[in-house]
Amino acid sequence: MSRSQQVRILVVDDEQAILNLYQEIFSVMSPASQGFGKKHSDRILPDIQQHPIISTQIFSLALYQRGEDALQAVQEGLVKNTPFAVAFIDAHLLPGGGELEGEGIALAAKIREFDPRIELVLMTGYTNVNPQDIIVKVPPLHKILYLEKPICSKEIYQFAASLGAKWQTERELERAHENLEHWLHERTVELIQANQ
């Protein structure tokens, strides 16, 4: 995947105001919305907007209040070969009628079952979340982060940029490994045929 291609970001939070904030954060940095960025960038991301690496990334944002809807979006993305790179999930989703509602950690674990490559960030405004419990419930350690609210716009954008780049690099390495294995197999076949 080219670094100029979109990095898909999933956000799951039961508060519409929080979803609106994520939308605003990523709209400010979007190359397609320079007018919005000009108006609000000083208030939201004063130090990051001109960063040479971050400014080249293009994000595609999907916002959900219900865990079941988010899980369905993850599954559809995998089927269509357009997976999410990063997910920001509220650790304490409020009940909404679905079996996954009520606990963002359970949702993160479900998402991990479907997509082991996705980078997860659990968000919470409560102090009763134990990071050790998160690691146990949503392994592996190197693909799960924990961040306390209130949301800091610069931190959210930096997390998305860094984790998105990490996700892209891992996919590129997987492809390179697959290509190398394919090449080695072809060379082995050629050598066997030559020896015969």
N, C-alpha and C. Protein backbone atom coordinates (compact mmCIF):
# COMPACT_ATOMS: atom_id res chain seq x y z
N MET A 1 0.84 -1.18 0.00
CA MET A 1 0.00 0.00 0.00
C MET A 1 0.88 1.24 0.00
N SER A 2 0.61 2.14 -0.90
CA SER A 2 1.35 3.39 -0.96
C SER A 2 0.98 4.28 0.21
N ARG A 3 1.96 5.03 0.71
CA ARG A 3 1.70 5.92 1.83
C ARG A 3 0.72 7.03 1.45
N SER A 4 0.51 7.24 0.15
CA SER A 4 -0.43 8.28 -0.27
C SER A 4 -1.86 7.77 -0.27
N GLN A 5 -2.06 6.46 -0.13
CA GLN A 5 -3.41 5.92 -0.12
C GLN A 5 -4.06 6.15 1.23
N GLN A 6 -5.37 6.00 1.26
CA GLN A 6 -6.12 6.27 2.47
C GLN A 6 -5.83 5.28 3.59
N VAL A 7 -5.82 5.81 4.80
CA VAL A 7 -5.74 5.00 6.00
C VAL A 7 -7.14 5.04 6.62
N ARG A 8 -7.78 3.88 6.72
CA ARG A 8 -9.15 3.84 7.26
C ARG A 8 -9.13 3.84 8.78
N ILE A 9 -9.89 4.77 9.36
CA ILE A 9 -9.97 4.93 10.81
C ILE A 9 -11.40 4.65 11.25
N LEU A 10 -11.54 3.78 12.25
CA LEU A 10 -12.83 3.45 12.85
C LEU A 10 -12.92 4.12 14.21
N VAL A 11 -14.05 4.78 14.48
CA VAL A 11 -14.27 5.40 15.78
C VAL A 11 -15.60 4.90 16.32
N VAL A 12 -15.60 4.40 17.56
CA VAL A 12 -16.82 3.92 18.20
C VAL A 12 -16.95 4.60 19.55
N ASP A 13 -17.99 5.43 19.67
CA ASP A 13 -18.27 6.13 20.92
C ASP A 13 -19.76 6.40 20.98
N ASP A 14 -20.37 6.21 22.17
CA ASP A 14 -21.81 6.40 22.27
C ASP A 14 -22.22 7.87 22.38
N GLU A 15 -21.27 8.77 22.54
CA GLU A 15 -21.58 10.20 22.63
C GLU A 15 -21.40 10.87 21.27
N GLN A 16 -22.47 11.44 20.74
CA GLN A 16 -22.41 12.10 19.44
C GLN A 16 -21.42 13.27 19.45
N ALA A 17 -21.32 13.97 20.58
CA ALA A 17 -20.38 15.10 20.67
C ALA A 17 -18.94 14.64 20.48
N ILE A 18 -18.61 13.46 21.00
CA ILE A 18 -17.26 12.92 20.83
C ILE A 18 -17.01 12.54 19.37
N LEU A 19 -18.01 11.92 18.74
CA LEU A 19 -17.87 11.58 17.32
C LEU A 19 -17.69 12.84 16.48
N ASN A 20 -18.43 13.89 16.83
CA ASN A 20 -18.29 15.16 16.12
C ASN A 20 -16.88 15.72 16.28
N LEU A 21 -16.30 15.54 17.47
CA LEU A 21 -14.94 16.03 17.71
C LEU A 21 -13.93 15.29 16.83
N TYR A 22 -14.07 13.97 16.74
CA TYR A 22 -13.19 13.20 15.85
C TYR A 22 -13.34 13.70 14.41
N GLN A 23 -14.57 13.92 13.99
CA GLN A 23 -14.81 14.41 12.63
C GLN A 23 -14.11 15.74 12.41
N GLU A 24 -14.18 16.59 13.40
CA GLU A 24 -13.55 17.91 13.29
C GLU A 24 -12.03 17.79 13.24
N ILE A 25 -11.47 16.94 14.09
CA ILE A 25 -10.01 16.75 14.12
C ILE A 25 -9.50 16.33 12.75
N PHE A 26 -10.14 15.33 12.15
CA PHE A 26 -9.64 14.81 10.88
C PHE A 26 -10.03 15.68 9.70
N SER A 27 -11.10 16.45 9.82
CA SER A 27 -11.48 17.38 8.75
C SER A 27 -10.47 18.52 8.65
N VAL A 28 -9.96 18.94 9.79
CA VAL A 28 -8.97 20.03 9.80
C VAL A 28 -7.75 19.65 8.97
N MET A 29 -7.32 18.39 9.09
CA MET A 29 -6.10 17.97 8.43
C MET A 29 -6.30 17.43 7.02
N SER A 30 -7.54 17.28 6.60
CA SER A 30 -7.80 16.72 5.28
C SER A 30 -7.42 17.69 4.18
N PRO A 31 -6.64 17.22 3.17
CA PRO A 31 -6.29 18.10 2.06
C PRO A 31 -7.51 18.57 1.28
N ALA A 32 -8.62 17.84 1.38
CA ALA A 32 -9.82 18.17 0.62
C ALA A 32 -10.63 19.27 1.27
N SER A 33 -10.30 19.67 2.50
CA SER A 33 -11.11 20.67 3.19
C SER A 33 -10.25 21.81 3.72
N GLN A 34 -9.56 22.47 2.80
CA GLN A 34 -8.65 23.54 3.20
C GLN A 34 -9.39 24.70 3.85
N GLY A 35 -10.60 24.99 3.41
CA GLY A 35 -11.35 26.09 4.01
C GLY A 35 -11.63 25.84 5.47
N PHE A 36 -12.07 24.65 5.78
CA PHE A 36 -12.35 24.28 7.18
C PHE A 36 -11.07 24.33 7.98
N GLY A 37 -10.01 23.77 7.42
CA GLY A 37 -8.74 23.74 8.12
C GLY A 37 -8.23 25.14 8.43
N LYS A 38 -8.38 26.05 7.50
CA LYS A 38 -7.92 27.42 7.68
C LYS A 38 -8.65 28.09 8.85
N LYS A 39 -9.94 27.80 8.95
CA LYS A 39 -10.78 28.44 9.96
C LYS A 39 -10.52 27.90 11.37
N HIS A 40 -10.28 26.58 11.50
CA HIS A 40 -10.24 25.95 12.81
C HIS A 40 -8.88 25.40 13.23
N SER A 41 -7.89 25.40 12.35
CA SER A 41 -6.64 24.70 12.66
C SER A 41 -5.91 25.29 13.86
N ASP A 42 -5.95 26.60 14.06
CA ASP A 42 -5.24 27.20 15.18
C ASP A 42 -5.82 26.74 16.51
N ARG A 43 -7.13 26.51 16.54
CA ARG A 43 -7.79 26.10 17.78
C ARG A 43 -7.57 24.62 18.06
N ILE A 44 -7.56 23.79 17.02
CA ILE A 44 -7.55 22.34 17.22
C ILE A 44 -6.15 21.75 17.15
N LEU A 45 -5.41 22.05 16.10
CA LEU A 45 -4.10 21.42 15.91
C LEU A 45 -3.04 22.46 15.53
N PRO A 46 -2.73 23.38 16.41
CA PRO A 46 -1.83 24.47 16.01
C PRO A 46 -0.42 24.03 15.64
N ASP A 47 0.10 22.97 16.24
CA ASP A 47 1.50 22.61 16.02
C ASP A 47 1.72 21.49 15.02
N ILE A 48 0.66 20.82 14.61
CA ILE A 48 0.83 19.61 13.81
C ILE A 48 0.59 19.83 12.32
N GLN A 49 -0.20 20.82 11.97
CA GLN A 49 -0.69 20.91 10.59
C GLN A 49 0.41 20.92 9.53
N GLN A 50 1.54 21.52 9.83
CA GLN A 50 2.60 21.60 8.82
C GLN A 50 3.63 20.48 8.94
N HIS A 51 3.38 19.51 9.80
CA HIS A 51 4.33 18.40 9.96
C HIS A 51 4.48 17.66 8.64
N PRO A 52 5.72 17.47 8.12
CA PRO A 52 5.91 16.93 6.77
C PRO A 52 5.41 15.51 6.57
N ILE A 53 5.48 14.66 7.60
CA ILE A 53 5.02 13.28 7.43
C ILE A 53 3.52 13.19 7.59
N ILE A 54 3.01 13.78 8.66
CA ILE A 54 1.59 13.68 8.95
C ILE A 54 0.76 14.32 7.85
N SER A 55 1.22 15.43 7.29
CA SER A 55 0.42 16.15 6.30
C SER A 55 0.26 15.37 5.00
N THR A 56 1.04 14.30 4.79
CA THR A 56 0.91 13.51 3.55
C THR A 56 -0.12 12.39 3.69
N GLN A 57 -0.55 12.10 4.91
CA GLN A 57 -1.49 11.00 5.10
C GLN A 57 -2.91 11.43 4.80
N ILE A 58 -3.66 10.51 4.21
CA ILE A 58 -5.06 10.75 3.91
C ILE A 58 -5.88 9.76 4.71
N PHE A 59 -6.79 10.27 5.53
CA PHE A 59 -7.59 9.41 6.39
C PHE A 59 -9.02 9.31 5.88
N SER A 60 -9.58 8.13 6.02
CA SER A 60 -10.99 7.89 5.75
C SER A 60 -11.62 7.48 7.07
N LEU A 61 -12.57 8.26 7.54
CA LEU A 61 -13.11 8.11 8.89
C LEU A 61 -14.50 7.48 8.85
N ALA A 62 -14.73 6.48 9.71
CA ALA A 62 -16.05 5.85 9.88
C ALA A 62 -16.43 5.96 11.35
N LEU A 63 -17.57 6.59 11.63
CA LEU A 63 -18.00 6.87 12.99
C LEU A 63 -19.25 6.06 13.35
N TYR A 64 -19.22 5.42 14.52
CA TYR A 64 -20.36 4.60 14.96
C TYR A 64 -20.62 4.80 16.44
N GLN A 65 -21.93 4.81 16.80
CA GLN A 65 -22.33 4.86 18.20
C GLN A 65 -22.58 3.46 18.75
N ARG A 66 -22.92 2.53 17.90
CA ARG A 66 -23.24 1.17 18.32
C ARG A 66 -22.13 0.21 17.95
N GLY A 67 -21.76 -0.63 18.91
CA GLY A 67 -20.70 -1.59 18.69
C GLY A 67 -21.01 -2.58 17.58
N GLU A 68 -22.27 -3.02 17.50
CA GLU A 68 -22.64 -4.00 16.47
C GLU A 68 -22.47 -3.43 15.07
N ASP A 69 -22.82 -2.15 14.91
CA ASP A 69 -22.64 -1.51 13.60
C ASP A 69 -21.16 -1.42 13.23
N ALA A 70 -20.35 -1.10 14.22
CA ALA A 70 -18.90 -1.01 13.98
C ALA A 70 -18.32 -2.37 13.62
N LEU A 71 -18.75 -3.41 14.32
CA LEU A 71 -18.27 -4.76 14.03
C LEU A 71 -18.66 -5.19 12.62
N GLN A 72 -19.88 -4.85 12.21
CA GLN A 72 -20.31 -5.17 10.85
C GLN A 72 -19.46 -4.43 9.82
N ALA A 73 -19.11 -3.18 10.11
CA ALA A 73 -18.26 -2.40 9.20
C ALA A 73 -16.87 -3.03 9.08
N VAL A 74 -16.35 -3.55 10.19
CA VAL A 74 -15.04 -4.22 10.16
C VAL A 74 -15.12 -5.46 9.27
N GLN A 75 -16.17 -6.24 9.44
CA GLN A 75 -16.33 -7.46 8.64
C GLN A 75 -16.47 -7.13 7.16
N GLU A 76 -17.27 -6.12 6.85
CA GLU A 76 -17.45 -5.72 5.45
C GLU A 76 -16.14 -5.22 4.84
N GLY A 77 -15.37 -4.48 5.62
CA GLY A 77 -14.09 -3.99 5.13
C GLY A 77 -13.13 -5.12 4.79
N LEU A 78 -13.15 -6.17 5.60
CA LEU A 78 -12.29 -7.31 5.33
C LEU A 78 -12.74 -8.05 4.07
N VAL A 79 -14.05 -8.21 3.91
CA VAL A 79 -14.58 -8.89 2.72
C VAL A 79 -14.22 -8.12 1.45
N LYS A 80 -14.30 -6.79 1.52
CA LYS A 80 -14.03 -5.95 0.34
C LYS A 80 -12.55 -5.61 0.18
N ASN A 81 -11.70 -6.17 1.04
CA ASN A 81 -10.26 -5.90 1.04
C ASN A 81 -9.97 -4.41 1.24
N THR A 82 -10.78 -3.78 2.10
CA THR A 82 -10.56 -2.39 2.50
C THR A 82 -10.61 -2.33 4.04
N PRO A 83 -9.68 -3.01 4.70
CA PRO A 83 -9.74 -3.09 6.17
C PRO A 83 -9.42 -1.76 6.84
N PHE A 84 -9.86 -1.66 8.07
CA PHE A 84 -9.49 -0.51 8.90
C PHE A 84 -8.07 -0.70 9.40
N ALA A 85 -7.34 0.40 9.46
CA ALA A 85 -5.98 0.36 9.99
C ALA A 85 -5.98 0.57 11.50
N VAL A 86 -6.80 1.53 11.95
CA VAL A 86 -6.81 1.93 13.36
C VAL A 86 -8.25 2.07 13.83
N ALA A 87 -8.51 1.65 15.07
CA ALA A 87 -9.83 1.84 15.69
C ALA A 87 -9.68 2.52 17.04
N PHE A 88 -10.42 3.61 17.23
CA PHE A 88 -10.53 4.27 18.52
C PHE A 88 -11.87 3.86 19.12
N ILE A 89 -11.85 3.19 20.26
CA ILE A 89 -13.06 2.61 20.84
C ILE A 89 -13.23 3.10 22.27
N ASP A 90 -14.42 3.60 22.59
CA ASP A 90 -14.74 3.98 23.96
C ASP A 90 -14.86 2.71 24.79
N ALA A 91 -14.11 2.62 25.86
CA ALA A 91 -14.09 1.41 26.69
C ALA A 91 -15.41 1.18 27.42
N HIS A 92 -16.22 2.24 27.59
CA HIS A 92 -17.49 2.13 28.31
C HIS A 92 -18.64 2.56 27.41
N LEU A 93 -19.00 1.73 26.45
CA LEU A 93 -20.14 2.03 25.60
C LEU A 93 -21.42 1.81 26.40
N LEU A 94 -22.38 2.72 26.24
CA LEU A 94 -23.65 2.58 26.95
C LEU A 94 -24.54 1.57 26.25
N PRO A 95 -25.45 0.94 26.98
CA PRO A 95 -26.36 -0.04 26.35
C PRO A 95 -27.16 0.58 25.22
N GLY A 96 -27.31 -0.17 24.14
CA GLY A 96 -28.08 0.31 23.00
C GLY A 96 -28.91 -0.77 22.36
N GLY A 97 -29.13 -1.86 23.05
CA GLY A 97 -30.00 -2.90 22.54
C GLY A 97 -29.29 -4.05 21.86
N GLY A 98 -28.00 -3.92 21.59
CA GLY A 98 -27.28 -4.99 20.92
C GLY A 98 -26.47 -5.81 21.92
N GLU A 99 -26.14 -7.01 21.54
CA GLU A 99 -25.43 -7.89 22.48
C GLU A 99 -24.01 -7.43 22.78
N LEU A 100 -23.43 -6.62 21.89
CA LEU A 100 -22.07 -6.14 22.12
C LEU A 100 -22.03 -4.84 22.91
N GLU A 101 -23.19 -4.22 23.11
CA GLU A 101 -23.20 -2.94 23.78
C GLU A 101 -22.89 -3.11 25.27
N GLY A 102 -22.41 -2.05 25.89
CA GLY A 102 -22.17 -2.08 27.31
C GLY A 102 -20.70 -2.18 27.67
N GLU A 103 -19.88 -2.64 26.77
CA GLU A 103 -18.46 -2.75 27.11
C GLU A 103 -17.62 -2.67 25.84
N GLY A 104 -16.89 -1.57 25.72
CA GLY A 104 -16.03 -1.39 24.56
C GLY A 104 -14.88 -2.36 24.51
N ILE A 105 -14.45 -2.86 25.67
CA ILE A 105 -13.36 -3.82 25.70
C ILE A 105 -13.79 -5.12 25.02
N ALA A 106 -15.04 -5.53 25.28
CA ALA A 106 -15.56 -6.74 24.62
C ALA A 106 -15.65 -6.53 23.11
N LEU A 107 -16.04 -5.33 22.71
CA LEU A 107 -16.09 -5.02 21.28
C LEU A 107 -14.70 -5.09 20.67
N ALA A 108 -13.72 -4.53 21.35
CA ALA A 108 -12.33 -4.57 20.85
C ALA A 108 -11.86 -6.01 20.68
N ALA A 109 -12.20 -6.86 21.65
CA ALA A 109 -11.81 -8.28 21.56
C ALA A 109 -12.49 -8.95 20.36
N LYS A 110 -13.75 -8.62 20.11
CA LYS A 110 -14.47 -9.18 18.96
C LYS A 110 -13.83 -8.72 17.66
N ILE A 111 -13.52 -7.44 17.58
CA ILE A 111 -12.88 -6.90 16.37
C ILE A 111 -11.54 -7.59 16.14
N ARG A 112 -10.79 -7.79 17.22
CA ARG A 112 -9.49 -8.46 17.11
C ARG A 112 -9.64 -9.88 16.56
N GLU A 113 -10.73 -10.59 16.94
CA GLU A 113 -10.96 -11.93 16.42
C GLU A 113 -11.09 -11.91 14.90
N PHE A 114 -11.78 -10.90 14.38
CA PHE A 114 -11.98 -10.82 12.93
C PHE A 114 -10.76 -10.26 12.21
N ASP A 115 -10.08 -9.31 12.82
CA ASP A 115 -8.95 -8.66 12.16
C ASP A 115 -7.76 -8.56 13.11
N PRO A 116 -6.85 -9.52 13.08
CA PRO A 116 -5.70 -9.48 13.99
C PRO A 116 -4.69 -8.38 13.65
N ARG A 117 -4.81 -7.75 12.48
CA ARG A 117 -3.84 -6.73 12.07
C ARG A 117 -4.21 -5.32 12.55
N ILE A 118 -5.47 -5.09 12.89
CA ILE A 118 -5.93 -3.74 13.21
C ILE A 118 -5.24 -3.21 14.48
N GLU A 119 -4.93 -1.92 14.46
CA GLU A 119 -4.35 -1.24 15.62
C GLU A 119 -5.51 -0.68 16.46
N LEU A 120 -5.57 -1.04 17.73
CA LEU A 120 -6.68 -0.64 18.59
C LEU A 120 -6.23 0.37 19.65
N VAL A 121 -7.07 1.39 19.85
CA VAL A 121 -6.85 2.36 20.92
C VAL A 121 -8.14 2.42 21.74
N LEU A 122 -8.06 2.00 23.00
CA LEU A 122 -9.22 2.07 23.89
C LEU A 122 -9.19 3.39 24.64
N MET A 123 -10.32 4.09 24.61
CA MET A 123 -10.44 5.41 25.22
C MET A 123 -11.40 5.31 26.40
N THR A 124 -11.10 6.02 27.49
CA THR A 124 -12.05 6.06 28.60
C THR A 124 -11.87 7.33 29.42
N GLY A 125 -12.98 7.78 29.96
CA GLY A 125 -12.97 8.91 30.88
C GLY A 125 -13.04 8.45 32.32
N TYR A 126 -13.07 7.15 32.52
CA TYR A 126 -13.17 6.58 33.87
C TYR A 126 -11.80 6.10 34.34
N THR A 127 -11.63 6.05 35.65
CA THR A 127 -10.34 5.61 36.20
C THR A 127 -10.37 4.15 36.63
N ASN A 128 -11.52 3.47 36.43
CA ASN A 128 -11.63 2.09 36.89
C ASN A 128 -11.21 1.07 35.84
N VAL A 129 -10.61 1.52 34.75
CA VAL A 129 -10.14 0.60 33.72
C VAL A 129 -8.68 0.28 34.00
N ASN A 130 -8.40 -1.01 34.13
CA ASN A 130 -7.04 -1.45 34.40
C ASN A 130 -6.35 -1.81 33.08
N PRO A 131 -5.28 -1.11 32.71
CA PRO A 131 -4.58 -1.42 31.46
C PRO A 131 -4.14 -2.88 31.36
N GLN A 132 -3.80 -3.50 32.49
CA GLN A 132 -3.40 -4.91 32.47
C GLN A 132 -4.55 -5.81 32.02
N ASP A 133 -5.78 -5.47 32.47
CA ASP A 133 -6.95 -6.23 32.04
C ASP A 133 -7.16 -6.13 30.53
N ILE A 134 -6.92 -4.94 30.01
CA ILE A 134 -7.08 -4.73 28.57
C ILE A 134 -6.10 -5.62 27.80
N ILE A 135 -4.87 -5.66 28.26
CA ILE A 135 -3.85 -6.47 27.57
C ILE A 135 -4.23 -7.94 27.57
N VAL A 136 -4.79 -8.41 28.69
CA VAL A 136 -5.19 -9.82 28.80
C VAL A 136 -6.38 -10.11 27.89
N LYS A 137 -7.35 -9.18 27.85
CA LYS A 137 -8.58 -9.43 27.10
C LYS A 137 -8.44 -9.16 25.60
N VAL A 138 -7.51 -8.27 25.23
CA VAL A 138 -7.37 -7.89 23.82
C VAL A 138 -5.90 -7.95 23.42
N PRO A 139 -5.32 -9.15 23.38
CA PRO A 139 -3.93 -9.27 22.95
C PRO A 139 -3.82 -9.09 21.43
N PRO A 140 -2.64 -8.90 20.88
CA PRO A 140 -1.34 -8.86 21.55
C PRO A 140 -1.01 -7.45 22.06
N LEU A 141 -0.05 -7.40 22.94
CA LEU A 141 0.35 -6.15 23.59
C LEU A 141 0.76 -5.07 22.60
N HIS A 142 1.43 -5.45 21.52
CA HIS A 142 1.96 -4.45 20.59
C HIS A 142 0.91 -3.89 19.63
N LYS A 143 -0.35 -4.33 19.76
CA LYS A 143 -1.39 -3.83 18.86
C LYS A 143 -2.59 -3.26 19.62
N ILE A 144 -2.38 -2.91 20.90
CA ILE A 144 -3.45 -2.31 21.70
C ILE A 144 -2.87 -1.19 22.56
N LEU A 145 -3.53 -0.03 22.54
CA LEU A 145 -3.12 1.10 23.36
C LEU A 145 -4.30 1.57 24.19
N TYR A 146 -3.99 2.31 25.25
CA TYR A 146 -5.00 2.79 26.18
C TYR A 146 -4.77 4.28 26.37
N LEU A 147 -5.83 5.07 26.26
CA LEU A 147 -5.70 6.51 26.36
C LEU A 147 -6.87 7.06 27.17
N GLU A 148 -6.57 7.89 28.15
CA GLU A 148 -7.63 8.46 28.98
C GLU A 148 -8.17 9.74 28.37
N LYS A 149 -9.50 9.93 28.51
CA LYS A 149 -10.12 11.18 28.13
C LYS A 149 -9.86 12.19 29.24
N PRO A 150 -9.99 13.48 29.01
CA PRO A 150 -10.56 14.09 27.81
C PRO A 150 -9.64 13.99 26.60
N ILE A 151 -10.25 14.00 25.45
CA ILE A 151 -9.53 13.84 24.20
C ILE A 151 -8.66 15.07 23.93
N CYS A 152 -7.42 14.81 23.59
CA CYS A 152 -6.51 15.86 23.14
C CYS A 152 -6.37 15.70 21.63
N SER A 153 -6.75 16.71 20.89
CA SER A 153 -6.78 16.62 19.42
C SER A 153 -5.44 16.22 18.83
N LYS A 154 -4.37 16.82 19.34
CA LYS A 154 -3.04 16.51 18.81
C LYS A 154 -2.65 15.07 19.07
N GLU A 155 -2.99 14.57 20.26
CA GLU A 155 -2.67 13.18 20.57
C GLU A 155 -3.43 12.22 19.66
N ILE A 156 -4.71 12.48 19.46
CA ILE A 156 -5.53 11.61 18.61
C ILE A 156 -4.95 11.58 17.21
N TYR A 157 -4.62 12.74 16.68
CA TYR A 157 -4.09 12.78 15.32
C TYR A 157 -2.74 12.09 15.24
N GLN A 158 -1.89 12.30 16.24
CA GLN A 158 -0.58 11.65 16.26
C GLN A 158 -0.71 10.14 16.36
N PHE A 159 -1.63 9.66 17.19
CA PHE A 159 -1.87 8.23 17.30
C PHE A 159 -2.31 7.67 15.95
N ALA A 160 -3.26 8.34 15.31
CA ALA A 160 -3.75 7.87 14.01
C ALA A 160 -2.64 7.84 12.97
N ALA A 161 -1.83 8.91 12.95
CA ALA A 161 -0.75 8.99 11.97
C ALA A 161 0.30 7.90 12.22
N SER A 162 0.73 7.75 13.47
CA SER A 162 1.78 6.78 13.78
C SER A 162 1.29 5.34 13.61
N LEU A 163 0.10 5.05 14.15
CA LEU A 163 -0.43 3.69 14.03
C LEU A 163 -0.80 3.35 12.59
N GLY A 164 -1.28 4.35 11.86
CA GLY A 164 -1.58 4.13 10.45
C GLY A 164 -0.33 3.79 9.66
N ALA A 165 0.76 4.52 9.94
CA ALA A 165 2.03 4.24 9.27
C ALA A 165 2.57 2.86 9.66
N LYS A 166 2.43 2.51 10.94
CA LYS A 166 2.86 1.19 11.40
C LYS A 166 2.07 0.09 10.69
N TRP A 167 0.76 0.27 10.60
CA TRP A 167 -0.12 -0.70 9.94
C TRP A 167 0.28 -0.87 8.48
N GLN A 168 0.52 0.25 7.80
CA GLN A 168 0.92 0.19 6.39
C GLN A 168 2.26 -0.53 6.23
N THR A 169 3.21 -0.23 7.10
CA THR A 169 4.53 -0.87 7.03
C THR A 169 4.42 -2.37 7.21
N GLU A 170 3.62 -2.80 8.18
CA GLU A 170 3.45 -4.23 8.42
C GLU A 170 2.83 -4.93 7.21
N ARG A 171 1.87 -4.29 6.57
CA ARG A 171 1.26 -4.88 5.37
C ARG A 171 2.26 -4.94 4.22
N GLU A 172 3.06 -3.91 4.08
CA GLU A 172 4.08 -3.92 3.03
C GLU A 172 5.10 -5.03 3.26
N LEU A 173 5.49 -5.24 4.52
CA LEU A 173 6.42 -6.32 4.84
C LEU A 173 5.81 -7.69 4.57
N GLU A 174 4.52 -7.84 4.88
CA GLU A 174 3.83 -9.10 4.59
C GLU A 174 3.85 -9.39 3.09
N ARG A 175 3.56 -8.36 2.29
CA ARG A 175 3.56 -8.53 0.83
C ARG A 175 4.95 -8.87 0.33
N ALA A 176 5.96 -8.19 0.86
CA ALA A 176 7.34 -8.47 0.44
C ALA A 176 7.72 -9.90 0.79
N HIS A 177 7.32 -10.37 1.96
CA HIS A 177 7.60 -11.74 2.38
C HIS A 177 6.91 -12.75 1.45
N GLU A 178 5.64 -12.47 1.13
CA GLU A 178 4.89 -13.34 0.21
C GLU A 178 5.56 -13.38 -1.16
N ASN A 179 5.98 -12.22 -1.66
CA ASN A 179 6.66 -12.16 -2.96
C ASN A 179 7.97 -12.94 -2.94
N LEU A 180 8.71 -12.81 -1.84
CA LEU A 180 9.97 -13.53 -1.71
C LEU A 180 9.74 -15.04 -1.69
N GLU A 181 8.74 -15.48 -0.94
CA GLU A 181 8.43 -16.91 -0.90
C GLU A 181 8.03 -17.43 -2.29
N HIS A 182 7.25 -16.63 -3.00
CA HIS A 182 6.83 -17.02 -4.35
C HIS A 182 8.04 -17.11 -5.28
N TRP A 183 8.94 -16.13 -5.19
CA TRP A 183 10.14 -16.13 -6.02
C TRP A 183 11.03 -17.34 -5.69
N LEU A 184 11.20 -17.63 -4.39
CA LEU A 184 12.02 -18.77 -4.00
C LEU A 184 11.42 -20.09 -4.50
N HIS A 185 10.11 -20.20 -4.45
CA HIS A 185 9.44 -21.40 -4.95
C HIS A 185 9.69 -21.57 -6.46
N GLU A 186 9.54 -20.47 -7.20
CA GLU A 186 9.77 -20.53 -8.65
C GLU A 186 11.22 -20.90 -8.96
N ARG A 187 12.18 -20.31 -8.24
CA ARG A 187 13.59 -20.61 -8.47
C ARG A 187 13.89 -22.07 -8.15
N THR A 188 13.27 -22.58 -7.07
CA THR A 188 13.49 -23.98 -6.70
C THR A 188 12.98 -24.90 -7.80
N VAL A 189 11.80 -24.60 -8.33
CA VAL A 189 11.24 -25.41 -9.42
C VAL A 189 12.15 -25.36 -10.64
N GLU A 190 12.65 -24.16 -10.95
CA GLU A 190 13.54 -24.00 -12.10
C GLU A 190 14.83 -24.83 -11.93
N LEU A 191 15.38 -24.78 -10.71
CA LEU A 191 16.62 -25.52 -10.44
C LEU A 191 16.39 -27.04 -10.52
N ILE A 192 15.25 -27.50 -10.01
CA ILE A 192 14.93 -28.94 -10.09
C ILE A 192 14.80 -29.36 -11.53
N GLN A 193 14.11 -28.53 -12.32
CA GLN A 193 13.95 -28.85 -13.75
C GLN A 193 15.29 -28.83 -14.48
N ALA A 194 16.14 -27.88 -14.15
CA ALA A 194 17.47 -27.79 -14.79
C ALA A 194 18.31 -29.01 -14.43
N ASN A 195 18.25 -29.44 -13.19
CA ASN A 195 19.02 -30.61 -12.75
C ASN A 195 18.53 -31.89 -13.43
N GLN A 196 17.22 -31.95 -13.64
CA GLN A 196 16.68 -33.13 -14.32
C GLN A 196 17.12 -33.17 -15.77
